[in-house]
Amino acid sequence: MEKIISSESFIAGSESFFVDIAALLSNQTGVDIFRIPMSQNVICYKVGEASINLRLRLVLIPFKNGQTLGRLSWLDRHGIDHVCCYVNEVFDCLGIASGGVWKKQTNNVGGLCLKQFESLLA
């Protein structure tokens, strides 16, 4: 990832991405999520079931070289952030490779969000 990515790119792609994540969670777990305003996040969704106090959020991480990544994570009721993965502006899963370069991974972002959600409920 060498090109400079603006926060607007993430914002533009986040709506459809979160619609897909909401559908996946609903289909796989029967849990619904709803968008809520939350400072310092590009977008944040809260689990609708009151007994499950989790928020799925996207936070942008800018780098000095102009690169921006997104961190997708679940925030629990204690304020602990449980990272699902890092993403680019088209919501591909990224991992850090040798030399500190972020590379696209084969992992499915939705699957990683679901896996982290299920581990938090266990």
PDB file of N, CA and C in Angstrom:
ATOM      1  N   MET A   1       0.830  -1.170   0.000  1.00  0.00           N
ATOM      2  CA  MET A   1       0.000   0.000   0.000  1.00  0.00           C
ATOM      3  C   MET A   1       0.877   1.237   0.000  1.00  0.00           C
ATOM      4  N   GLU A   2       1.089   1.828  -1.137  1.00  0.00           N
ATOM      5  CA  GLU A   2       1.935   2.996  -1.214  1.00  0.00           C
ATOM      6  C   GLU A   2       1.159   4.263  -1.514  1.00  0.00           C
ATOM      7  N   LYS A   3      -0.061   4.140  -1.991  1.00  0.00           N
ATOM      8  CA  LYS A   3      -0.806   5.347  -2.327  1.00  0.00           C
ATOM      9  C   LYS A   3      -1.397   5.980  -1.075  1.00  0.00           C
ATOM     10  N   ILE A   4      -1.613   7.280  -1.154  1.00  0.00           N
ATOM     11  CA  ILE A   4      -2.181   8.021  -0.035  1.00  0.00           C
ATOM     12  C   ILE A   4      -3.700   7.872  -0.070  1.00  0.00           C
ATOM     13  N   ILE A   5      -4.264   7.513   1.079  1.00  0.00           N
ATOM     14  CA  ILE A   5      -5.702   7.270   1.188  1.00  0.00           C
ATOM     15  C   ILE A   5      -6.292   8.282   2.168  1.00  0.00           C
ATOM     16  N   SER A   6      -7.364   8.912   1.790  1.00  0.00           N
ATOM     17  CA  SER A   6      -8.010   9.890   2.664  1.00  0.00           C
ATOM     18  C   SER A   6      -9.074   9.212   3.522  1.00  0.00           C
ATOM     19  N   SER A   7      -9.436   9.899   4.596  1.00  0.00           N
ATOM     20  CA  SER A   7     -10.494   9.372   5.457  1.00  0.00           C
ATOM     21  C   SER A   7     -11.824   9.314   4.713  1.00  0.00           C
ATOM     22  N   GLU A   8     -12.004  10.177   3.723  1.00  0.00           N
ATOM     23  CA  GLU A   8     -13.241  10.173   2.942  1.00  0.00           C
ATOM     24  C   GLU A   8     -13.432   8.847   2.203  1.00  0.00           C
ATOM     25  N   SER A   9     -12.333   8.227   1.782  1.00  0.00           N
ATOM     26  CA  SER A   9     -12.418   6.924   1.112  1.00  0.00           C
ATOM     27  C   SER A   9     -12.991   5.871   2.046  1.00  0.00           C
ATOM     28  N   PHE A  10     -12.565   5.898   3.300  1.00  0.00           N
ATOM     29  CA  PHE A  10     -13.092   4.950   4.282  1.00  0.00           C
ATOM     30  C   PHE A  10     -14.563   5.222   4.571  1.00  0.00           C
ATOM     31  N   ILE A  11     -14.892   6.474   4.740  1.00  0.00           N
ATOM     32  CA  ILE A  11     -16.275   6.843   5.046  1.00  0.00           C
ATOM     33  C   ILE A  11     -17.204   6.416   3.917  1.00  0.00           C
ATOM     34  N   ALA A  12     -16.776   6.642   2.680  1.00  0.00           N
ATOM     35  CA  ALA A  12     -17.597   6.276   1.519  1.00  0.00           C
ATOM     36  C   ALA A  12     -17.853   4.776   1.456  1.00  0.00           C
ATOM     37  N   GLY A  13     -16.858   3.976   1.783  1.00  0.00           N
ATOM     38  CA  GLY A  13     -17.009   2.525   1.701  1.00  0.00           C
ATOM     39  C   GLY A  13     -17.574   1.872   2.939  1.00  0.00           C
ATOM     40  N   SER A  14     -17.619   2.607   4.043  1.00  0.00           N
ATOM     41  CA  SER A  14     -17.997   1.982   5.303  1.00  0.00           C
ATOM     42  C   SER A  14     -19.472   1.604   5.383  1.00  0.00           C
ATOM     43  N   GLU A  15     -20.339   2.384   4.786  1.00  0.00           N
ATOM     44  CA  GLU A  15     -21.778   2.104   4.887  1.00  0.00           C
ATOM     45  C   GLU A  15     -22.135   0.729   4.333  1.00  0.00           C
ATOM     46  N   SER A  16     -21.744   0.460   3.093  1.00  0.00           N
ATOM     47  CA  SER A  16     -22.099  -0.832   2.491  1.00  0.00           C
ATOM     48  C   SER A  16     -21.383  -1.977   3.194  1.00  0.00           C
ATOM     49  N   PHE A  17     -20.166  -1.731   3.656  1.00  0.00           N
ATOM     50  CA  PHE A  17     -19.430  -2.758   4.382  1.00  0.00           C
ATOM     51  C   PHE A  17     -20.169  -3.143   5.662  1.00  0.00           C
ATOM     52  N   PHE A  18     -20.599  -2.157   6.431  1.00  0.00           N
ATOM     53  CA  PHE A  18     -21.286  -2.443   7.689  1.00  0.00           C
ATOM     54  C   PHE A  18     -22.670  -3.038   7.473  1.00  0.00           C
ATOM     55  N   VAL A  19     -23.318  -2.719   6.378  1.00  0.00           N
ATOM     56  CA  VAL A  19     -24.588  -3.372   6.040  1.00  0.00           C
ATOM     57  C   VAL A  19     -24.345  -4.869   5.853  1.00  0.00           C
ATOM     58  N   ASP A  20     -23.262  -5.213   5.165  1.00  0.00           N
ATOM     59  CA  ASP A  20     -22.917  -6.627   4.960  1.00  0.00           C
ATOM     60  C   ASP A  20     -22.572  -7.315   6.280  1.00  0.00           C
ATOM     61  N   ILE A  21     -21.816  -6.633   7.142  1.00  0.00           N
ATOM     62  CA  ILE A  21     -21.460  -7.200   8.448  1.00  0.00           C
ATOM     63  C   ILE A  21     -22.718  -7.408   9.292  1.00  0.00           C
ATOM     64  N   ALA A  22     -23.625  -6.446   9.266  1.00  0.00           N
ATOM     65  CA  ALA A  22     -24.877  -6.567  10.023  1.00  0.00           C
ATOM     66  C   ALA A  22     -25.673  -7.777   9.556  1.00  0.00           C
ATOM     67  N   ALA A  23     -25.741  -7.985   8.253  1.00  0.00           N
ATOM     68  CA  ALA A  23     -26.464  -9.137   7.707  1.00  0.00           C
ATOM     69  C   ALA A  23     -25.789 -10.441   8.120  1.00  0.00           C
ATOM     70  N   LEU A  24     -24.463 -10.478   8.073  1.00  0.00           N
ATOM     71  CA  LEU A  24     -23.722 -11.678   8.471  1.00  0.00           C
ATOM     72  C   LEU A  24     -23.984 -12.015   9.934  1.00  0.00           C
ATOM     73  N   LEU A  25     -23.882 -11.029  10.812  1.00  0.00           N
ATOM     74  CA  LEU A  25     -24.129 -11.273  12.235  1.00  0.00           C
ATOM     75  C   LEU A  25     -25.559 -11.727  12.484  1.00  0.00           C
ATOM     76  N   SER A  26     -26.506 -11.110  11.815  1.00  0.00           N
ATOM     77  CA  SER A  26     -27.906 -11.486  11.978  1.00  0.00           C
ATOM     78  C   SER A  26     -28.150 -12.916  11.508  1.00  0.00           C
ATOM     79  N   ASN A  27     -27.609 -13.256  10.349  1.00  0.00           N
ATOM     80  CA  ASN A  27     -27.803 -14.600   9.790  1.00  0.00           C
ATOM     81  C   ASN A  27     -27.094 -15.680  10.597  1.00  0.00           C
ATOM     82  N   GLN A  28     -25.884 -15.400  11.058  1.00  0.00           N
ATOM     83  CA  GLN A  28     -25.079 -16.418  11.734  1.00  0.00           C
ATOM     84  C   GLN A  28     -25.371 -16.539  13.229  1.00  0.00           C
ATOM     85  N   THR A  29     -25.739 -15.420  13.869  1.00  0.00           N
ATOM     86  CA  THR A  29     -25.904 -15.437  15.324  1.00  0.00           C
ATOM     87  C   THR A  29     -27.288 -15.007  15.791  1.00  0.00           C
ATOM     88  N   GLY A  30     -28.089 -14.445  14.890  1.00  0.00           N
ATOM     89  CA  GLY A  30     -29.404 -13.947  15.276  1.00  0.00           C
ATOM     90  C   GLY A  30     -29.357 -12.611  16.002  1.00  0.00           C
ATOM     91  N   VAL A  31     -28.185 -11.972  16.009  1.00  0.00           N
ATOM     92  CA  VAL A  31     -28.001 -10.699  16.703  1.00  0.00           C
ATOM     93  C   VAL A  31     -28.026  -9.566  15.688  1.00  0.00           C
ATOM     94  N   ASP A  32     -28.726  -8.490  16.042  1.00  0.00           N
ATOM     95  CA  ASP A  32     -28.777  -7.308  15.183  1.00  0.00           C
ATOM     96  C   ASP A  32     -27.869  -6.225  15.743  1.00  0.00           C
ATOM     97  N   ILE A  33     -27.294  -5.423  14.842  1.00  0.00           N
ATOM     98  CA  ILE A  33     -26.495  -4.276  15.258  1.00  0.00           C
ATOM     99  C   ILE A  33     -27.098  -3.011  14.658  1.00  0.00           C
ATOM    100  N   PHE A  34     -26.923  -1.900  15.381  1.00  0.00           N
ATOM    101  CA  PHE A  34     -27.502  -0.628  14.983  1.00  0.00           C
ATOM    102  C   PHE A  34     -26.443   0.459  15.045  1.00  0.00           C
ATOM    103  N   ARG A  35     -26.483   1.342  14.075  1.00  0.00           N
ATOM    104  CA  ARG A  35     -25.512   2.431  14.034  1.00  0.00           C
ATOM    105  C   ARG A  35     -25.782   3.425  15.162  1.00  0.00           C
ATOM    106  N   ILE A  36     -24.707   3.843  15.810  1.00  0.00           N
ATOM    107  CA  ILE A  36     -24.799   4.846  16.868  1.00  0.00           C
ATOM    108  C   ILE A  36     -23.685   5.868  16.673  1.00  0.00           C
ATOM    109  N   PRO A  37     -23.915   7.103  17.120  1.00  0.00           N
ATOM    110  CA  PRO A  37     -22.827   8.079  17.066  1.00  0.00           C
ATOM    111  C   PRO A  37     -21.842   7.804  18.200  1.00  0.00           C
ATOM    112  N   MET A  38     -20.573   7.872  17.909  1.00  0.00           N
ATOM    113  CA  MET A  38     -19.544   7.676  18.922  1.00  0.00           C
ATOM    114  C   MET A  38     -18.311   8.432  18.466  1.00  0.00           C
ATOM    115  N   SER A  39     -17.824   9.317  19.300  1.00  0.00           N
ATOM    116  CA  SER A  39     -16.682  10.141  18.911  1.00  0.00           C
ATOM    117  C   SER A  39     -15.445   9.287  18.646  1.00  0.00           C
ATOM    118  N   GLN A  40     -14.569   9.792  17.836  1.00  0.00           N
ATOM    119  CA  GLN A  40     -13.287   9.189  17.482  1.00  0.00           C
ATOM    120  C   GLN A  40     -13.419   7.910  16.661  1.00  0.00           C
ATOM    121  N   ASN A  41     -14.564   7.697  16.049  1.00  0.00           N
ATOM    122  CA  ASN A  41     -14.768   6.546  15.175  1.00  0.00           C
ATOM    123  C   ASN A  41     -15.287   7.038  13.834  1.00  0.00           C
ATOM    124  N   VAL A  42     -14.893   6.368  12.774  1.00  0.00           N
ATOM    125  CA  VAL A  42     -15.489   6.661  11.475  1.00  0.00           C
ATOM    126  C   VAL A  42     -16.943   6.237  11.508  1.00  0.00           C
ATOM    127  N   ILE A  43     -17.158   5.066  12.062  1.00  0.00           N
ATOM    128  CA  ILE A  43     -18.506   4.519  12.161  1.00  0.00           C
ATOM    129  C   ILE A  43     -18.526   3.542  13.331  1.00  0.00           C
ATOM    130  N   CYS A  44     -19.671   3.442  13.988  1.00  0.00           N
ATOM    131  CA  CYS A  44     -19.790   2.556  15.141  1.00  0.00           C
ATOM    132  C   CYS A  44     -21.183   1.933  15.153  1.00  0.00           C
ATOM    133  N   TYR A  45     -21.229   0.648  15.462  1.00  0.00           N
ATOM    134  CA  TYR A  45     -22.488  -0.079  15.582  1.00  0.00           C
ATOM    135  C   TYR A  45     -22.538  -0.749  16.946  1.00  0.00           C
ATOM    136  N   LYS A  46     -23.717  -0.757  17.543  1.00  0.00           N
ATOM    137  CA  LYS A  46     -23.935  -1.384  18.837  1.00  0.00           C
ATOM    138  C   LYS A  46     -24.812  -2.609  18.658  1.00  0.00           C
ATOM    139  N   VAL A  47     -24.495  -3.659  19.401  1.00  0.00           N
ATOM    140  CA  VAL A  47     -25.332  -4.857  19.399  1.00  0.00           C
ATOM    141  C   VAL A  47     -26.664  -4.490  20.030  1.00  0.00           C
ATOM    142  N   GLY A  48     -27.763  -4.883  19.372  1.00  0.00           N
ATOM    143  CA  GLY A  48     -29.097  -4.509  19.816  1.00  0.00           C
ATOM    144  C   GLY A  48     -29.546  -5.167  21.105  1.00  0.00           C
ATOM    145  N   GLU A  49     -29.064  -6.352  21.376  1.00  0.00           N
ATOM    146  CA  GLU A  49     -29.475  -7.075  22.574  1.00  0.00           C
ATOM    147  C   GLU A  49     -28.827  -6.437  23.803  1.00  0.00           C
ATOM    148  N   ALA A  50     -29.642  -6.013  24.758  1.00  0.00           N
ATOM    149  CA  ALA A  50     -29.152  -5.262  25.922  1.00  0.00           C
ATOM    150  C   ALA A  50     -28.133  -6.037  26.752  1.00  0.00           C
ATOM    151  N   SER A  51     -28.263  -7.347  26.810  1.00  0.00           N
ATOM    152  CA  SER A  51     -27.343  -8.144  27.628  1.00  0.00           C
ATOM    153  C   SER A  51     -25.957  -8.287  26.992  1.00  0.00           C
ATOM    154  N   ILE A  52     -25.835  -7.909  25.725  1.00  0.00           N
ATOM    155  CA  ILE A  52     -24.543  -7.979  25.028  1.00  0.00           C
ATOM    156  C   ILE A  52     -24.072  -6.548  24.783  1.00  0.00           C
ATOM    157  N   ASN A  53     -23.204  -6.071  25.648  1.00  0.00           N
ATOM    158  CA  ASN A  53     -22.743  -4.686  25.558  1.00  0.00           C
ATOM    159  C   ASN A  53     -21.452  -4.620  24.741  1.00  0.00           C
ATOM    160  N   LEU A  54     -21.594  -4.718  23.425  1.00  0.00           N
ATOM    161  CA  LEU A  54     -20.448  -4.659  22.516  1.00  0.00           C
ATOM    162  C   LEU A  54     -20.717  -3.646  21.418  1.00  0.00           C
ATOM    163  N   ARG A  55     -19.646  -2.999  20.989  1.00  0.00           N
ATOM    164  CA  ARG A  55     -19.728  -2.046  19.877  1.00  0.00           C
ATOM    165  C   ARG A  55     -18.685  -2.422  18.838  1.00  0.00           C
ATOM    166  N   LEU A  56     -19.123  -2.506  17.602  1.00  0.00           N
ATOM    167  CA  LEU A  56     -18.213  -2.754  16.482  1.00  0.00           C
ATOM    168  C   LEU A  56     -17.864  -1.402  15.888  1.00  0.00           C
ATOM    169  N   ARG A  57     -16.568  -1.097  15.830  1.00  0.00           N
ATOM    170  CA  ARG A  57     -16.193   0.238  15.386  1.00  0.00           C
ATOM    171  C   ARG A  57     -15.020   0.215  14.417  1.00  0.00           C
ATOM    172  N   LEU A  58     -14.974   1.260  13.633  1.00  0.00           N
ATOM    173  CA  LEU A  58     -13.883   1.475  12.685  1.00  0.00           C
ATOM    174  C   LEU A  58     -13.166   2.756  13.078  1.00  0.00           C
ATOM    175  N   VAL A  59     -11.887   2.626  13.379  1.00  0.00           N
ATOM    176  CA  VAL A  59     -11.044   3.758  13.748  1.00  0.00           C
ATOM    177  C   VAL A  59      -9.961   3.887  12.687  1.00  0.00           C
ATOM    178  N   LEU A  60      -9.689   5.110  12.257  1.00  0.00           N
ATOM    179  CA  LEU A  60      -8.647   5.336  11.259  1.00  0.00           C
ATOM    180  C   LEU A  60      -7.311   5.606  11.931  1.00  0.00           C
ATOM    181  N   ILE A  61      -6.263   5.063  11.318  1.00  0.00           N
ATOM    182  CA  ILE A  61      -4.905   5.233  11.817  1.00  0.00           C
ATOM    183  C   ILE A  61      -4.074   5.879  10.716  1.00  0.00           C
ATOM    184  N   PRO A  62      -3.767   7.166  10.861  1.00  0.00           N
ATOM    185  CA  PRO A  62      -2.935   7.834   9.852  1.00  0.00           C
ATOM    186  C   PRO A  62      -1.450   7.605  10.142  1.00  0.00           C
ATOM    187  N   PHE A  63      -0.673   7.493   9.090  1.00  0.00           N
ATOM    188  CA  PHE A  63       0.772   7.350   9.211  1.00  0.00           C
ATOM    189  C   PHE A  63       1.456   8.601   8.675  1.00  0.00           C
ATOM    190  N   LYS A  64       2.694   8.829   9.087  1.00  0.00           N
ATOM    191  CA  LYS A  64       3.446  10.012   8.666  1.00  0.00           C
ATOM    192  C   LYS A  64       3.618  10.087   7.159  1.00  0.00           C
ATOM    193  N   ASN A  65       3.663   8.927   6.497  1.00  0.00           N
ATOM    194  CA  ASN A  65       3.865   8.907   5.044  1.00  0.00           C
ATOM    195  C   ASN A  65       2.580   9.196   4.260  1.00  0.00           C
ATOM    196  N   GLY A  66       1.497   9.501   4.965  1.00  0.00           N
ATOM    197  CA  GLY A  66       0.232   9.807   4.303  1.00  0.00           C
ATOM    198  C   GLY A  66      -0.691   8.615   4.167  1.00  0.00           C
ATOM    199  N   GLN A  67      -0.209   7.440   4.479  1.00  0.00           N
ATOM    200  CA  GLN A  67      -1.018   6.229   4.403  1.00  0.00           C
ATOM    201  C   GLN A  67      -2.016   6.213   5.566  1.00  0.00           C
ATOM    202  N   THR A  68      -3.199   5.697   5.318  1.00  0.00           N
ATOM    203  CA  THR A  68      -4.218   5.547   6.352  1.00  0.00           C
ATOM    204  C   THR A  68      -4.743   4.123   6.325  1.00  0.00           C
ATOM    205  N   LEU A  69      -4.827   3.515   7.497  1.00  0.00           N
ATOM    206  CA  LEU A  69      -5.420   2.188   7.650  1.00  0.00           C
ATOM    207  C   LEU A  69      -6.629   2.310   8.562  1.00  0.00           C
ATOM    208  N   GLY A  70      -7.505   1.334   8.476  1.00  0.00           N
ATOM    209  CA  GLY A  70      -8.627   1.263   9.396  1.00  0.00           C
ATOM    210  C   GLY A  70      -8.440   0.095  10.346  1.00  0.00           C
ATOM    211  N   ARG A  71      -8.773   0.308  11.611  1.00  0.00           N
ATOM    212  CA  ARG A  71      -8.747  -0.784  12.587  1.00  0.00           C
ATOM    213  C   ARG A  71     -10.190  -1.117  12.928  1.00  0.00           C
ATOM    214  N   LEU A  72     -10.587  -2.336  12.644  1.00  0.00           N
ATOM    215  CA  LEU A  72     -11.932  -2.817  12.917  1.00  0.00           C
ATOM    216  C   LEU A  72     -11.880  -3.624  14.207  1.00  0.00           C
ATOM    217  N   SER A  73     -12.695  -3.239  15.183  1.00  0.00           N
ATOM    218  CA  SER A  73     -12.607  -3.897  16.484  1.00  0.00           C
ATOM    219  C   SER A  73     -13.941  -3.866  17.219  1.00  0.00           C
ATOM    220  N   TRP A  74     -14.038  -4.761  18.182  1.00  0.00           N
ATOM    221  CA  TRP A  74     -15.167  -4.784  19.104  1.00  0.00           C
ATOM    222  C   TRP A  74     -14.716  -4.113  20.394  1.00  0.00           C
ATOM    223  N   LEU A  75     -15.493  -3.174  20.880  1.00  0.00           N
ATOM    224  CA  LEU A  75     -15.236  -2.513  22.152  1.00  0.00           C
ATOM    225  C   LEU A  75     -16.189  -3.121  23.171  1.00  0.00           C
ATOM    226  N   ASP A  76     -15.630  -3.674  24.266  1.00  0.00           N
ATOM    227  CA  ASP A  76     -16.500  -4.319  25.254  1.00  0.00           C
ATOM    228  C   ASP A  76     -16.947  -3.332  26.334  1.00  0.00           C
ATOM    229  N   ARG A  77     -17.757  -3.812  27.271  1.00  0.00           N
ATOM    230  CA  ARG A  77     -18.345  -2.940  28.295  1.00  0.00           C
ATOM    231  C   ARG A  77     -17.307  -2.366  29.256  1.00  0.00           C
ATOM    232  N   HIS A  78     -16.107  -2.944  29.260  1.00  0.00           N
ATOM    233  CA  HIS A  78     -15.030  -2.451  30.115  1.00  0.00           C
ATOM    234  C   HIS A  78     -14.126  -1.464  29.380  1.00  0.00           C
ATOM    235  N   GLY A  79     -14.452  -1.183  28.129  1.00  0.00           N
ATOM    236  CA  GLY A  79     -13.634  -0.271  27.336  1.00  0.00           C
ATOM    237  C   GLY A  79     -12.418  -0.921  26.714  1.00  0.00           C
ATOM    238  N   ILE A  80     -12.376  -2.245  26.717  1.00  0.00           N
ATOM    239  CA  ILE A  80     -11.254  -2.973  26.119  1.00  0.00           C
ATOM    240  C   ILE A  80     -11.547  -3.205  24.645  1.00  0.00           C
ATOM    241  N   ASP A  81     -10.570  -2.884  23.833  1.00  0.00           N
ATOM    242  CA  ASP A  81     -10.677  -2.993  22.380  1.00  0.00           C
ATOM    243  C   ASP A  81     -10.177  -4.370  21.938  1.00  0.00           C
ATOM    244  N   HIS A  82     -11.011  -5.120  21.231  1.00  0.00           N
ATOM    245  CA  HIS A  82     -10.650  -6.450  20.730  1.00  0.00           C
ATOM    246  C   HIS A  82     -10.574  -6.358  19.208  1.00  0.00           C
ATOM    247  N   VAL A  83      -9.360  -6.297  18.687  1.00  0.00           N
ATOM    248  CA  VAL A  83      -9.141  -6.044  17.263  1.00  0.00           C
ATOM    249  C   VAL A  83      -9.529  -7.262  16.427  1.00  0.00           C
ATOM    250  N   CYS A  84     -10.360  -7.009  15.417  1.00  0.00           N
ATOM    251  CA  CYS A  84     -10.710  -8.043  14.433  1.00  0.00           C
ATOM    252  C   CYS A  84      -9.622  -8.102  13.368  1.00  0.00           C
ATOM    253  N   CYS A  85      -9.311  -6.939  12.807  1.00  0.00           N
ATOM    254  CA  CYS A  85      -8.296  -6.862  11.758  1.00  0.00           C
ATOM    255  C   CYS A  85      -8.058  -5.410  11.364  1.00  0.00           C
ATOM    256  N   TYR A  86      -7.085  -5.226  10.502  1.00  0.00           N
ATOM    257  CA  TYR A  86      -6.802  -3.926   9.899  1.00  0.00           C
ATOM    258  C   TYR A  86      -7.244  -3.994   8.447  1.00  0.00           C
ATOM    259  N   VAL A  87      -7.766  -2.876   7.931  1.00  0.00           N
ATOM    260  CA  VAL A  87      -8.321  -2.864   6.578  1.00  0.00           C
ATOM    261  C   VAL A  87      -7.836  -1.649   5.795  1.00  0.00           C
ATOM    262  N   ASN A  88      -7.918  -1.790   4.465  1.00  0.00           N
ATOM    263  CA  ASN A  88      -7.664  -0.642   3.591  1.00  0.00           C
ATOM    264  C   ASN A  88      -9.005   0.000   3.240  1.00  0.00           C
ATOM    265  N   GLU A  89      -8.991   0.962   2.324  1.00  0.00           N
ATOM    266  CA  GLU A  89     -10.203   1.728   2.011  1.00  0.00           C
ATOM    267  C   GLU A  89     -11.281   0.917   1.307  1.00  0.00           C
ATOM    268  N   VAL A  90     -10.934  -0.246   0.757  1.00  0.00           N
ATOM    269  CA  VAL A  90     -11.946  -1.111   0.144  1.00  0.00           C
ATOM    270  C   VAL A  90     -12.255  -2.313   1.046  1.00  0.00           C
ATOM    271  N   PHE A  91     -11.799  -2.226   2.280  1.00  0.00           N
ATOM    272  CA  PHE A  91     -12.066  -3.205   3.325  1.00  0.00           C
ATOM    273  C   PHE A  91     -11.490  -4.585   3.031  1.00  0.00           C
ATOM    274  N   ASP A  92     -10.309  -4.590   2.424  1.00  0.00           N
ATOM    275  CA  ASP A  92      -9.509  -5.806   2.340  1.00  0.00           C
ATOM    276  C   ASP A  92      -8.779  -5.953   3.665  1.00  0.00           C
ATOM    277  N   CYS A  93      -8.625  -7.183   4.117  1.00  0.00           N
ATOM    278  CA  CYS A  93      -7.881  -7.453   5.341  1.00  0.00           C
ATOM    279  C   CYS A  93      -6.391  -7.246   5.070  1.00  0.00           C
ATOM    280  N   LEU A  94      -5.711  -6.567   5.989  1.00  0.00           N
ATOM    281  CA  LEU A  94      -4.287  -6.296   5.837  1.00  0.00           C
ATOM    282  C   LEU A  94      -3.505  -6.878   7.001  1.00  0.00           C
ATOM    283  N   GLY A  95      -2.273  -7.261   6.710  1.00  0.00           N
ATOM    284  CA  GLY A  95      -1.346  -7.712   7.738  1.00  0.00           C
ATOM    285  C   GLY A  95       0.002  -7.090   7.466  1.00  0.00           C
ATOM    286  N   ILE A  96       0.779  -6.936   8.511  1.00  0.00           N
ATOM    287  CA  ILE A  96       2.089  -6.321   8.336  1.00  0.00           C
ATOM    288  C   ILE A  96       3.097  -7.392   7.930  1.00  0.00           C
ATOM    289  N   ALA A  97       3.825  -7.106   6.868  1.00  0.00           N
ATOM    290  CA  ALA A  97       4.821  -8.038   6.336  1.00  0.00           C
ATOM    291  C   ALA A  97       6.212  -7.561   6.746  1.00  0.00           C
ATOM    292  N   SER A  98       7.208  -8.307   6.320  1.00  0.00           N
ATOM    293  CA  SER A  98       8.580  -7.926   6.633  1.00  0.00           C
ATOM    294  C   SER A  98       8.875  -6.536   6.083  1.00  0.00           C
ATOM    295  N   GLY A  99       9.672  -5.807   6.799  1.00  0.00           N
ATOM    296  CA  GLY A  99      10.005  -4.453   6.379  1.00  0.00           C
ATOM    297  C   GLY A  99       8.955  -3.434   6.758  1.00  0.00           C
ATOM    298  N   GLY A 100       7.940  -3.846   7.519  1.00  0.00           N
ATOM    299  CA  GLY A 100       6.915  -2.916   7.969  1.00  0.00           C
ATOM    300  C   GLY A 100       5.909  -2.515   6.912  1.00  0.00           C
ATOM    301  N   VAL A 101       5.817  -3.282   5.840  1.00  0.00           N
ATOM    302  CA  VAL A 101       4.886  -2.981   4.751  1.00  0.00           C
ATOM    303  C   VAL A 101       3.571  -3.718   5.003  1.00  0.00           C
ATOM    304  N   TRP A 102       2.456  -3.000   4.841  1.00  0.00           N
ATOM    305  CA  TRP A 102       1.138  -3.608   4.995  1.00  0.00           C
ATOM    306  C   TRP A 102       0.741  -4.277   3.687  1.00  0.00           C
ATOM    307  N   LYS A 103       0.365  -5.550   3.768  1.00  0.00           N
ATOM    308  CA  LYS A 103       0.001  -6.332   2.581  1.00  0.00           C
ATOM    309  C   LYS A 103      -1.403  -6.906   2.740  1.00  0.00           C
ATOM    310  N   LYS A 104      -2.078  -7.046   1.606  1.00  0.00           N
ATOM    311  CA  LYS A 104      -3.403  -7.656   1.585  1.00  0.00           C
ATOM    312  C   LYS A 104      -3.294  -9.120   2.001  1.00  0.00           C
ATOM    313  N   GLN A 105      -4.231  -9.558   2.844  1.00  0.00           N
ATOM    314  CA  GLN A 105      -4.291 -10.931   3.331  1.00  0.00           C
ATOM    315  C   GLN A 105      -5.488 -11.642   2.703  1.00  0.00           C
ATOM    316  N   THR A 106      -5.492 -12.950   2.788  1.00  0.00           N
ATOM    317  CA  THR A 106      -6.599 -13.722   2.221  1.00  0.00           C
ATOM    318  C   THR A 106      -7.764 -13.870   3.197  1.00  0.00           C
ATOM    319  N   ASN A 107      -7.575 -13.448   4.438  1.00  0.00           N
ATOM    320  CA  ASN A 107      -8.634 -13.579   5.441  1.00  0.00           C
ATOM    321  C   ASN A 107      -9.866 -12.769   5.059  1.00  0.00           C
ATOM    322  N   ASN A 108     -11.028 -13.301   5.381  1.00  0.00           N
ATOM    323  CA  ASN A 108     -12.295 -12.618   5.150  1.00  0.00           C
ATOM    324  C   ASN A 108     -12.590 -11.709   6.342  1.00  0.00           C
ATOM    325  N   VAL A 109     -12.746 -10.420   6.086  1.00  0.00           N
ATOM    326  CA  VAL A 109     -12.958  -9.447   7.157  1.00  0.00           C
ATOM    327  C   VAL A 109     -14.232  -9.764   7.942  1.00  0.00           C
ATOM    328  N   GLY A 110     -15.314 -10.073   7.255  1.00  0.00           N
ATOM    329  CA  GLY A 110     -16.560 -10.414   7.936  1.00  0.00           C
ATOM    330  C   GLY A 110     -16.405 -11.629   8.830  1.00  0.00           C
ATOM    331  N   GLY A 111     -15.701 -12.625   8.327  1.00  0.00           N
ATOM    332  CA  GLY A 111     -15.447 -13.826   9.116  1.00  0.00           C
ATOM    333  C   GLY A 111     -14.631 -13.538  10.364  1.00  0.00           C
ATOM    334  N   LEU A 112     -13.657 -12.640  10.246  1.00  0.00           N
ATOM    335  CA  LEU A 112     -12.844 -12.264  11.402  1.00  0.00           C
ATOM    336  C   LEU A 112     -13.664 -11.506  12.444  1.00  0.00           C
ATOM    337  N   CYS A 113     -14.574 -10.646  11.981  1.00  0.00           N
ATOM    338  CA  CYS A 113     -15.466  -9.927  12.905  1.00  0.00           C
ATOM    339  C   CYS A 113     -16.381 -10.900  13.636  1.00  0.00           C
ATOM    340  N   LEU A 114     -16.916 -11.853  12.901  1.00  0.00           N
ATOM    341  CA  LEU A 114     -17.795 -12.863  13.485  1.00  0.00           C
ATOM    342  C   LEU A 114     -17.037 -13.723  14.492  1.00  0.00           C
ATOM    343  N   LYS A 115     -15.835 -14.146  14.136  1.00  0.00           N
ATOM    344  CA  LYS A 115     -15.017 -14.981  15.024  1.00  0.00           C
ATOM    345  C   LYS A 115     -14.703 -14.246  16.325  1.00  0.00           C
ATOM    346  N   GLN A 116     -14.326 -12.978  16.227  1.00  0.00           N
ATOM    347  CA  GLN A 116     -14.022 -12.191  17.425  1.00  0.00           C
ATOM    348  C   GLN A 116     -15.279 -11.990  18.274  1.00  0.00           C
ATOM    349  N   PHE A 117     -16.415 -11.746  17.632  1.00  0.00           N
ATOM    350  CA  PHE A 117     -17.689 -11.592  18.336  1.00  0.00           C
ATOM    351  C   PHE A 117     -18.020 -12.862  19.120  1.00  0.00           C
ATOM    352  N   GLU A 118     -17.917 -14.005  18.457  1.00  0.00           N
ATOM    353  CA  GLU A 118     -18.236 -15.278  19.109  1.00  0.00           C
ATOM    354  C   GLU A 118     -17.285 -15.566  20.263  1.00  0.00           C
ATOM    355  N   SER A 119     -16.006 -15.203  20.119  1.00  0.00           N
ATOM    356  CA  SER A 119     -15.054 -15.437  21.209  1.00  0.00           C
ATOM    357  C   SER A 119     -15.365 -14.545  22.417  1.00  0.00           C
ATOM    358  N   LEU A 120     -15.898 -13.362  22.176  1.00  0.00           N
ATOM    359  CA  LEU A 120     -16.258 -12.473  23.280  1.00  0.00           C
ATOM    360  C   LEU A 120     -17.505 -12.954  24.019  1.00  0.00           C
ATOM    361  N   LEU A 121     -18.354 -13.696  23.343  1.00  0.00           N
ATOM    362  CA  LEU A 121     -19.563 -14.231  23.980  1.00  0.00           C
ATOM    363  C   LEU A 121     -19.301 -15.533  24.727  1.00  0.00           C
ATOM    364  N   ALA A 122     -18.209 -16.201  24.389  1.00  0.00           N
ATOM    365  CA  ALA A 122     -17.901 -17.515  24.988  1.00  0.00           C
ATOM    366  C   ALA A 122     -17.530 -17.407  26.456  1.00  0.00           C
TER     367      ALA A 122
END
